[in-house]
Amino acid sequence: MVAQRVAAPERTLFYKSLLWCLLVVLLADWALRHAQRAGWAPVLRGLLAAGGLAFTASQVYLLERHNAEQVRAWQTYRQPMAWLATQPVGPVLAPVLVYQYYLRFFAHTEFRDQPWVIDDQPRPGVRYRYLVRPAGGRPVPGAPPGPPAFHGAFDIFVVPGPAGR
């Protein structure tokens, strides 16, 4: 229990370290009782207060850093769907599941008034308008030659032809 690493995002502090914190409080109470007999309780109270403040400050720092990273990641992965929302609606092929999940999430939460079809496997008879691949990754079969129409967290190609431009 004492060796468990505790990072502070969201409710981790309360759920993962509650027992550890109770153990520390019980040990601090025991130490204060013995220190009171020896006459150095004020020094120990100061040390315990400083330790508590240092621990609280480190948890707040970890939480703020985690939140900043989360916001930056959400903005990075929101940009491709925001770009797609400005383009004509058409079927999207995203063979990498992580990218498909990001696109579907933002399509459902922020761009729900447009009927997006986002697939991870090509369906027979569907002519995809957009192809998605990892940024700078190996080409996706059927992707047009040349640079992607959108380059960011991942690349989006616009397929020319009857369903494309």
C-alpha atoms as a PDB file:
ATOM      1  CA  MET A   1       0.000   0.000   0.000  1.00  0.00           C
ATOM      2  CA  VAL A   2       2.798   2.451   0.815  1.00  0.00           C
ATOM      3  CA  ALA A   3       4.752   1.603  -2.351  1.00  0.00           C
ATOM      4  CA  GLN A   4       1.767   2.264  -4.613  1.00  0.00           C
ATOM      5  CA  ARG A   5       2.424   5.223  -6.918  1.00  0.00           C
ATOM      6  CA  VAL A   6      -0.312   7.809  -6.628  1.00  0.00           C
ATOM      7  CA  ALA A   7      -0.849  10.387  -9.357  1.00  0.00           C
ATOM      8  CA  ALA A   8      -3.578  12.921  -8.919  1.00  0.00           C
ATOM      9  CA  PRO A   9      -5.811  12.957 -11.986  1.00  0.00           C
ATOM     10  CA  GLU A  10      -9.480  13.275 -11.184  1.00  0.00           C
ATOM     11  CA  ARG A  11     -10.477  11.031  -8.258  1.00  0.00           C
ATOM     12  CA  THR A  12      -7.266   9.016  -7.994  1.00  0.00           C
ATOM     13  CA  LEU A  13      -6.170  10.831  -4.862  1.00  0.00           C
ATOM     14  CA  PHE A  14      -9.289   9.763  -2.988  1.00  0.00           C
ATOM     15  CA  TYR A  15      -9.738   6.243  -4.338  1.00  0.00           C
ATOM     16  CA  LYS A  16      -6.170   5.016  -4.565  1.00  0.00           C
ATOM     17  CA  SER A  17      -4.581   6.708  -1.595  1.00  0.00           C
ATOM     18  CA  LEU A  18      -7.354   6.949   0.973  1.00  0.00           C
ATOM     19  CA  LEU A  19      -6.020   4.020   3.008  1.00  0.00           C
ATOM     20  CA  TRP A  20      -2.454   5.303   2.688  1.00  0.00           C
ATOM     21  CA  CYS A  21      -3.543   8.726   3.951  1.00  0.00           C
ATOM     22  CA  LEU A  22      -5.338   7.128   6.914  1.00  0.00           C
ATOM     23  CA  LEU A  23      -2.176   5.181   7.748  1.00  0.00           C
ATOM     24  CA  VAL A  24      -0.081   8.365   7.602  1.00  0.00           C
ATOM     25  CA  VAL A  25      -2.547  10.193   9.876  1.00  0.00           C
ATOM     26  CA  LEU A  26      -2.522   7.365  12.411  1.00  0.00           C
ATOM     27  CA  LEU A  27       1.288   7.289  12.403  1.00  0.00           C
ATOM     28  CA  ALA A  28       1.420  11.088  12.743  1.00  0.00           C
ATOM     29  CA  ASP A  29      -0.964  10.948  15.694  1.00  0.00           C
ATOM     30  CA  TRP A  30       1.162   8.257  17.349  1.00  0.00           C
ATOM     31  CA  ALA A  31       4.347  10.307  16.729  1.00  0.00           C
ATOM     32  CA  LEU A  32       2.727  13.475  18.108  1.00  0.00           C
ATOM     33  CA  ARG A  33       1.690  11.668  21.302  1.00  0.00           C
ATOM     34  CA  HIS A  34       5.257  10.435  21.862  1.00  0.00           C
ATOM     35  CA  ALA A  35       6.738  13.820  20.885  1.00  0.00           C
ATOM     36  CA  GLN A  36       4.508  15.563  23.402  1.00  0.00           C
ATOM     37  CA  ARG A  37       6.033  13.481  26.201  1.00  0.00           C
ATOM     38  CA  ALA A  38       9.533  14.323  24.977  1.00  0.00           C
ATOM     39  CA  GLY A  39       8.718  18.035  24.588  1.00  0.00           C
ATOM     40  CA  TRP A  40       9.379  18.461  20.884  1.00  0.00           C
ATOM     41  CA  ALA A  41       5.766  18.315  19.633  1.00  0.00           C
ATOM     42  CA  PRO A  42       5.822  21.878  18.146  1.00  0.00           C
ATOM     43  CA  VAL A  43       8.770  20.934  15.907  1.00  0.00           C
ATOM     44  CA  LEU A  44       7.042  17.750  14.773  1.00  0.00           C
ATOM     45  CA  ARG A  45       3.787  19.657  14.074  1.00  0.00           C
ATOM     46  CA  GLY A  46       5.732  22.074  11.873  1.00  0.00           C
ATOM     47  CA  LEU A  47       7.376  19.206   9.985  1.00  0.00           C
ATOM     48  CA  LEU A  48       4.048  17.444   9.516  1.00  0.00           C
ATOM     49  CA  ALA A  49       2.402  20.661   8.284  1.00  0.00           C
ATOM     50  CA  ALA A  50       5.263  21.289   5.837  1.00  0.00           C
ATOM     51  CA  GLY A  51       5.035  17.702   4.582  1.00  0.00           C
ATOM     52  CA  GLY A  52       1.268  18.002   4.160  1.00  0.00           C
ATOM     53  CA  LEU A  53       1.641  21.254   2.226  1.00  0.00           C
ATOM     54  CA  ALA A  54       4.345  19.755   0.001  1.00  0.00           C
ATOM     55  CA  PHE A  55       2.177  16.712  -0.724  1.00  0.00           C
ATOM     56  CA  THR A  56      -0.889  18.878  -1.479  1.00  0.00           C
ATOM     57  CA  ALA A  57       1.154  21.171  -3.749  1.00  0.00           C
ATOM     58  CA  SER A  58       2.551  18.185  -5.673  1.00  0.00           C
ATOM     59  CA  GLN A  59      -0.942  16.746  -6.170  1.00  0.00           C
ATOM     60  CA  VAL A  60      -2.306  20.090  -7.405  1.00  0.00           C
ATOM     61  CA  TYR A  61       0.671  20.432  -9.785  1.00  0.00           C
ATOM     62  CA  LEU A  62       0.130  16.919 -11.186  1.00  0.00           C
ATOM     63  CA  LEU A  63      -3.571  17.587 -11.655  1.00  0.00           C
ATOM     64  CA  GLU A  64      -3.000  20.890 -13.456  1.00  0.00           C
ATOM     65  CA  ARG A  65      -0.323  19.369 -15.702  1.00  0.00           C
ATOM     66  CA  HIS A  66      -2.608  16.454 -16.544  1.00  0.00           C
ATOM     67  CA  ASN A  67      -5.504  18.790 -17.346  1.00  0.00           C
ATOM     68  CA  ALA A  68      -3.312  20.952 -19.610  1.00  0.00           C
ATOM     69  CA  GLU A  69      -2.099  17.862 -21.502  1.00  0.00           C
ATOM     70  CA  GLN A  70      -5.682  16.625 -21.831  1.00  0.00           C
ATOM     71  CA  VAL A  71      -6.895  19.936 -23.284  1.00  0.00           C
ATOM     72  CA  ARG A  72      -3.976  20.046 -25.733  1.00  0.00           C
ATOM     73  CA  ALA A  73      -4.648  16.453 -26.853  1.00  0.00           C
ATOM     74  CA  TRP A  74      -8.389  17.076 -27.320  1.00  0.00           C
ATOM     75  CA  GLN A  75      -7.699  20.174 -29.418  1.00  0.00           C
ATOM     76  CA  THR A  76      -5.162  18.277 -31.530  1.00  0.00           C
ATOM     77  CA  TYR A  77      -7.574  15.418 -32.249  1.00  0.00           C
ATOM     78  CA  ARG A  78     -10.575  17.726 -32.721  1.00  0.00           C
ATOM     79  CA  GLN A  79      -8.960  19.620 -35.632  1.00  0.00           C
ATOM     80  CA  PRO A  80      -9.385  16.875 -38.287  1.00  0.00           C
ATOM     81  CA  MET A  81     -13.124  16.565 -37.609  1.00  0.00           C
ATOM     82  CA  ALA A  82     -13.476  20.352 -37.536  1.00  0.00           C
ATOM     83  CA  TRP A  83     -11.845  20.421 -40.986  1.00  0.00           C
ATOM     84  CA  LEU A  84     -14.117  17.626 -42.246  1.00  0.00           C
ATOM     85  CA  ALA A  85     -17.145  19.576 -40.984  1.00  0.00           C
ATOM     86  CA  THR A  86     -16.247  22.394 -43.409  1.00  0.00           C
ATOM     87  CA  GLN A  87     -16.089  19.951 -46.357  1.00  0.00           C
ATOM     88  CA  PRO A  88     -18.946  18.326 -48.280  1.00  0.00           C
ATOM     89  CA  VAL A  89     -20.329  15.344 -46.380  1.00  0.00           C
ATOM     90  CA  GLY A  90     -19.210  11.966 -47.655  1.00  0.00           C
ATOM     91  CA  PRO A  91     -18.174   8.530 -46.419  1.00  0.00           C
ATOM     92  CA  VAL A  92     -14.883   8.429 -44.499  1.00  0.00           C
ATOM     93  CA  LEU A  93     -12.544   5.430 -44.393  1.00  0.00           C
ATOM     94  CA  ALA A  94     -10.314   5.444 -41.297  1.00  0.00           C
ATOM     95  CA  PRO A  95      -8.563   2.048 -41.156  1.00  0.00           C
ATOM     96  CA  VAL A  96      -6.694   2.920 -37.941  1.00  0.00           C
ATOM     97  CA  LEU A  97      -9.251   2.327 -35.171  1.00  0.00           C
ATOM     98  CA  VAL A  98      -7.934   5.045 -32.849  1.00  0.00           C
ATOM     99  CA  TYR A  99      -8.476   7.712 -35.516  1.00  0.00           C
ATOM    100  CA  GLN A 100     -11.878   6.310 -36.368  1.00  0.00           C
ATOM    101  CA  TYR A 101     -12.872   6.559 -32.698  1.00  0.00           C
ATOM    102  CA  TYR A 102     -11.681  10.171 -32.464  1.00  0.00           C
ATOM    103  CA  LEU A 103     -13.553  11.115 -35.639  1.00  0.00           C
ATOM    104  CA  ARG A 104     -16.726   9.367 -34.489  1.00  0.00           C
ATOM    105  CA  PHE A 105     -16.518  10.929 -31.037  1.00  0.00           C
ATOM    106  CA  PHE A 106     -16.225  14.490 -32.344  1.00  0.00           C
ATOM    107  CA  ALA A 107     -18.751  13.846 -35.124  1.00  0.00           C
ATOM    108  CA  HIS A 108     -21.242  12.666 -32.501  1.00  0.00           C
ATOM    109  CA  THR A 109     -20.552  15.318 -29.849  1.00  0.00           C
ATOM    110  CA  GLU A 110     -19.823  18.479 -31.824  1.00  0.00           C
ATOM    111  CA  PHE A 111     -20.876  17.968 -35.428  1.00  0.00           C
ATOM    112  CA  ARG A 112     -24.024  15.898 -35.001  1.00  0.00           C
ATOM    113  CA  ASP A 113     -26.136  17.854 -37.531  1.00  0.00           C
ATOM    114  CA  GLN A 114     -24.098  16.295 -40.365  1.00  0.00           C
ATOM    115  CA  PRO A 115     -24.692  12.589 -41.145  1.00  0.00           C
ATOM    116  CA  TRP A 116     -21.142  11.247 -41.151  1.00  0.00           C
ATOM    117  CA  VAL A 117     -20.417   7.647 -42.157  1.00  0.00           C
ATOM    118  CA  ILE A 118     -17.032   6.658 -40.727  1.00  0.00           C
ATOM    119  CA  ASP A 119     -15.828   3.106 -41.381  1.00  0.00           C
ATOM    120  CA  ASP A 120     -12.705   1.212 -40.361  1.00  0.00           C
ATOM    121  CA  GLN A 121     -13.057  -1.431 -43.116  1.00  0.00           C
ATOM    122  CA  PRO A 122     -14.101  -0.730 -46.706  1.00  0.00           C
ATOM    123  CA  ARG A 123     -17.662  -1.819 -47.398  1.00  0.00           C
ATOM    124  CA  PRO A 124     -18.547  -3.239 -50.820  1.00  0.00           C
ATOM    125  CA  GLY A 125     -20.168  -0.708 -53.120  1.00  0.00           C
ATOM    126  CA  VAL A 126     -19.247   2.330 -51.011  1.00  0.00           C
ATOM    127  CA  ARG A 127     -17.096   4.957 -52.711  1.00  0.00           C
ATOM    128  CA  TYR A 128     -15.267   6.781 -49.964  1.00  0.00           C
ATOM    129  CA  ARG A 129     -14.800  10.515 -50.296  1.00  0.00           C
ATOM    130  CA  TYR A 130     -12.149  10.789 -47.548  1.00  0.00           C
ATOM    131  CA  LEU A 131      -9.308   8.469 -46.531  1.00  0.00           C
ATOM    132  CA  VAL A 132      -7.532   8.864 -43.196  1.00  0.00           C
ATOM    133  CA  ARG A 133      -4.036   7.677 -42.312  1.00  0.00           C
ATOM    134  CA  PRO A 134      -1.451   8.383 -39.607  1.00  0.00           C
ATOM    135  CA  ALA A 135       0.464  11.624 -40.235  1.00  0.00           C
ATOM    136  CA  GLY A 136       3.457  10.775 -42.382  1.00  0.00           C
ATOM    137  CA  GLY A 137       2.549   7.079 -42.209  1.00  0.00           C
ATOM    138  CA  ARG A 138       2.533   4.508 -44.933  1.00  0.00           C
ATOM    139  CA  PRO A 139      -0.018   5.098 -47.691  1.00  0.00           C
ATOM    140  CA  VAL A 140      -3.573   3.816 -47.376  1.00  0.00           C
ATOM    141  CA  PRO A 141      -4.694   1.667 -50.340  1.00  0.00           C
ATOM    142  CA  GLY A 142      -6.783   3.839 -52.638  1.00  0.00           C
ATOM    143  CA  ALA A 143      -5.336   7.127 -51.376  1.00  0.00           C
ATOM    144  CA  PRO A 144      -4.665   9.609 -54.145  1.00  0.00           C
ATOM    145  CA  PRO A 145      -1.035  10.500 -54.859  1.00  0.00           C
ATOM    146  CA  GLY A 146       0.283  13.781 -53.561  1.00  0.00           C
ATOM    147  CA  PRO A 147      -0.045  15.666 -50.326  1.00  0.00           C
ATOM    148  CA  PRO A 148      -3.073  15.208 -48.074  1.00  0.00           C
ATOM    149  CA  ALA A 149      -5.889  17.754 -48.110  1.00  0.00           C
ATOM    150  CA  PHE A 150      -5.568  17.994 -44.318  1.00  0.00           C
ATOM    151  CA  HIS A 151      -2.367  17.436 -42.373  1.00  0.00           C
ATOM    152  CA  GLY A 152      -2.456  17.454 -38.582  1.00  0.00           C
ATOM    153  CA  ALA A 153      -2.757  14.738 -35.941  1.00  0.00           C
ATOM    154  CA  PHE A 154      -3.444  12.489 -38.926  1.00  0.00           C
ATOM    155  CA  ASP A 155      -3.676  12.988 -42.699  1.00  0.00           C
ATOM    156  CA  ILE A 156      -6.951  13.164 -44.597  1.00  0.00           C
ATOM    157  CA  PHE A 157      -7.040  12.624 -48.347  1.00  0.00           C
ATOM    158  CA  VAL A 158      -9.913  13.680 -50.596  1.00  0.00           C
ATOM    159  CA  VAL A 159     -10.585  10.969 -53.187  1.00  0.00           C
ATOM    160  CA  PRO A 160     -11.207  12.387 -56.670  1.00  0.00           C
ATOM    161  CA  GLY A 161     -13.959  10.964 -58.805  1.00  0.00           C
ATOM    162  CA  PRO A 162     -17.752  10.915 -58.805  1.00  0.00           C
ATOM    163  CA  ALA A 163     -17.896  10.957 -55.003  1.00  0.00           C
ATOM    164  CA  GLY A 164     -14.847  13.232 -54.672  1.00  0.00           C
ATOM    165  CA  ARG A 165     -13.903  16.612 -56.077  1.00  0.00           C
END
